[in-house]
N, C-alpha and C. Protein backbone atom coordinates (compact mmCIF):
# COMPACT_ATOMS: atom_id res chain seq x y z
N MET A 1 -2.08 -17.46 14.10
CA MET A 1 -1.63 -16.34 13.31
C MET A 1 -1.79 -16.64 11.81
N GLY A 2 -1.64 -17.88 11.42
CA GLY A 2 -1.76 -18.25 10.02
C GLY A 2 -3.13 -17.97 9.45
N ASP A 3 -4.18 -18.23 10.25
CA ASP A 3 -5.54 -17.97 9.80
C ASP A 3 -5.75 -16.47 9.57
N PHE A 4 -5.19 -15.66 10.47
CA PHE A 4 -5.31 -14.21 10.32
C PHE A 4 -4.63 -13.75 9.03
N MET A 5 -3.44 -14.26 8.77
CA MET A 5 -2.71 -13.88 7.56
C MET A 5 -3.45 -14.31 6.30
N ASP A 6 -4.05 -15.49 6.33
CA ASP A 6 -4.83 -15.96 5.19
C ASP A 6 -6.01 -15.03 4.94
N LYS A 7 -6.67 -14.63 6.01
CA LYS A 7 -7.82 -13.71 5.87
C LYS A 7 -7.36 -12.35 5.36
N ALA A 8 -6.22 -11.87 5.84
CA ALA A 8 -5.69 -10.58 5.39
C ALA A 8 -5.34 -10.63 3.91
N LYS A 9 -4.71 -11.71 3.48
CA LYS A 9 -4.37 -11.86 2.06
C LYS A 9 -5.62 -11.95 1.20
N ASP A 10 -6.62 -12.67 1.68
CA ASP A 10 -7.88 -12.79 0.95
C ASP A 10 -8.55 -11.43 0.82
N PHE A 11 -8.56 -10.66 1.91
CA PHE A 11 -9.14 -9.32 1.88
C PHE A 11 -8.40 -8.44 0.87
N ALA A 12 -7.07 -8.48 0.92
CA ALA A 12 -6.27 -7.66 0.01
C ALA A 12 -6.55 -8.02 -1.44
N ASN A 13 -6.72 -9.30 -1.73
CA ASN A 13 -7.02 -9.73 -3.09
C ASN A 13 -8.40 -9.30 -3.54
N LYS A 14 -9.37 -9.37 -2.65
CA LYS A 14 -10.74 -9.02 -3.00
C LYS A 14 -10.98 -7.52 -3.06
N HIS A 15 -10.19 -6.76 -2.31
CA HIS A 15 -10.42 -5.31 -2.20
C HIS A 15 -9.15 -4.54 -2.56
N ASP A 16 -8.54 -4.93 -3.66
CA ASP A 16 -7.26 -4.37 -4.05
C ASP A 16 -7.29 -2.86 -4.20
N GLU A 17 -8.33 -2.34 -4.79
CA GLU A 17 -8.39 -0.90 -5.01
C GLU A 17 -8.39 -0.13 -3.69
N GLN A 18 -9.16 -0.62 -2.72
CA GLN A 18 -9.21 0.05 -1.42
C GLN A 18 -7.87 -0.07 -0.69
N VAL A 19 -7.23 -1.23 -0.78
CA VAL A 19 -5.93 -1.43 -0.15
C VAL A 19 -4.90 -0.49 -0.78
N ASP A 20 -4.90 -0.39 -2.10
CA ASP A 20 -3.96 0.50 -2.79
C ASP A 20 -4.19 1.96 -2.39
N LYS A 21 -5.45 2.36 -2.28
CA LYS A 21 -5.75 3.73 -1.86
C LYS A 21 -5.25 3.99 -0.45
N GLY A 22 -5.43 3.00 0.43
CA GLY A 22 -4.95 3.14 1.80
C GLY A 22 -3.43 3.27 1.86
N MET A 23 -2.75 2.48 1.06
CA MET A 23 -1.28 2.56 1.02
C MET A 23 -0.84 3.91 0.47
N GLU A 24 -1.53 4.38 -0.54
CA GLU A 24 -1.20 5.68 -1.14
C GLU A 24 -1.40 6.79 -0.11
N LYS A 25 -2.48 6.71 0.63
CA LYS A 25 -2.77 7.72 1.66
C LYS A 25 -1.71 7.67 2.77
N ALA A 26 -1.32 6.48 3.19
CA ALA A 26 -0.29 6.33 4.21
C ALA A 26 1.04 6.89 3.71
N GLY A 27 1.36 6.63 2.45
CA GLY A 27 2.59 7.18 1.87
C GLY A 27 2.57 8.69 1.82
N ASP A 28 1.41 9.25 1.45
CA ASP A 28 1.28 10.71 1.41
C ASP A 28 1.45 11.31 2.80
N MET A 29 0.89 10.63 3.80
CA MET A 29 1.01 11.12 5.17
C MET A 29 2.47 11.06 5.64
N ALA A 30 3.16 9.96 5.33
CA ALA A 30 4.56 9.83 5.70
C ALA A 30 5.39 10.90 4.99
N ASP A 31 5.07 11.16 3.74
CA ASP A 31 5.78 12.19 2.98
C ASP A 31 5.58 13.56 3.61
N LYS A 32 4.36 13.84 4.00
CA LYS A 32 4.05 15.12 4.63
C LYS A 32 4.79 15.27 5.96
N ARG A 33 4.81 14.21 6.75
CA ARG A 33 5.45 14.26 8.07
C ARG A 33 6.97 14.40 7.98
N THR A 34 7.54 13.95 6.87
CA THR A 34 8.99 14.08 6.70
C THR A 34 9.35 15.32 5.88
N GLY A 35 8.35 16.15 5.60
CA GLY A 35 8.60 17.39 4.87
C GLY A 35 9.05 17.16 3.44
N GLY A 36 8.67 16.03 2.85
CA GLY A 36 9.03 15.74 1.47
C GLY A 36 10.48 15.31 1.29
N LYS A 37 11.18 15.12 2.40
CA LYS A 37 12.60 14.78 2.35
C LYS A 37 12.86 13.41 1.72
N TYR A 38 11.89 12.49 1.85
CA TYR A 38 12.08 11.12 1.36
C TYR A 38 11.02 10.71 0.33
N THR A 39 10.53 11.67 -0.41
CA THR A 39 9.44 11.43 -1.36
C THR A 39 9.72 10.25 -2.29
N ASP A 40 10.89 10.23 -2.90
CA ASP A 40 11.22 9.16 -3.86
C ASP A 40 11.23 7.79 -3.19
N LYS A 41 11.80 7.72 -1.99
CA LYS A 41 11.89 6.43 -1.29
C LYS A 41 10.51 5.98 -0.83
N ILE A 42 9.69 6.91 -0.35
CA ILE A 42 8.34 6.57 0.09
C ILE A 42 7.52 6.08 -1.09
N ASP A 43 7.58 6.80 -2.22
CA ASP A 43 6.84 6.39 -3.41
C ASP A 43 7.26 5.00 -3.89
N LYS A 44 8.56 4.75 -3.85
CA LYS A 44 9.06 3.44 -4.28
C LYS A 44 8.54 2.33 -3.35
N GLY A 45 8.56 2.60 -2.05
CA GLY A 45 8.06 1.62 -1.08
C GLY A 45 6.58 1.35 -1.26
N VAL A 46 5.80 2.41 -1.49
CA VAL A 46 4.36 2.24 -1.71
C VAL A 46 4.13 1.43 -2.98
N ASP A 47 4.84 1.75 -4.04
CA ASP A 47 4.68 1.01 -5.30
C ASP A 47 5.01 -0.46 -5.12
N GLN A 48 6.09 -0.76 -4.38
CA GLN A 48 6.47 -2.15 -4.16
C GLN A 48 5.42 -2.88 -3.32
N ALA A 49 4.90 -2.22 -2.31
CA ALA A 49 3.87 -2.83 -1.47
C ALA A 49 2.60 -3.09 -2.28
N GLN A 50 2.23 -2.13 -3.12
CA GLN A 50 1.04 -2.30 -3.94
C GLN A 50 1.21 -3.44 -4.93
N ALA A 51 2.40 -3.63 -5.42
CA ALA A 51 2.66 -4.72 -6.37
C ALA A 51 2.52 -6.09 -5.72
N ARG A 52 2.64 -6.13 -4.39
CA ARG A 52 2.56 -7.41 -3.67
C ARG A 52 1.17 -7.71 -3.13
N THR A 53 0.23 -6.83 -3.37
CA THR A 53 -1.14 -7.06 -2.90
C THR A 53 -2.06 -7.18 -4.10
N GLY A 54 -2.93 -8.12 -4.07
CA GLY A 54 -3.94 -8.27 -5.11
C GLY A 54 -3.35 -8.23 -6.50
N GLN A 55 -3.87 -7.36 -7.31
CA GLN A 55 -3.44 -7.23 -8.70
C GLN A 55 -2.42 -6.12 -8.88
N GLY A 56 -1.94 -5.53 -7.80
CA GLY A 56 -0.96 -4.44 -7.92
C GLY A 56 -1.63 -3.10 -7.83
N ASP A 57 -0.95 -2.07 -8.25
CA ASP A 57 -1.41 -0.69 -8.12
C ASP A 57 -2.68 -0.47 -8.94
N GLN A 58 -3.78 -0.16 -8.28
CA GLN A 58 -5.05 0.07 -8.95
C GLN A 58 -5.47 1.53 -8.88
N THR A 59 -4.62 2.41 -8.32
CA THR A 59 -5.03 3.79 -8.11
C THR A 59 -4.63 4.70 -9.26
N ARG A 60 -3.89 4.20 -10.21
CA ARG A 60 -3.43 5.08 -11.30
C ARG A 60 -4.13 4.78 -12.57
């Protein structure tokens, strides 16, 4: 499992913009499915996740 995690971290670092876009898209989908009820919490979670991958949020 450690090798997989190392590869995943390496991918996230090398492809930060794509990872951030994917997280943003997932957050948008979750927001849509909850009818916008948790928009602030979803956005905060996405921002925190993006900050922990690669160089952080690259989509803005």
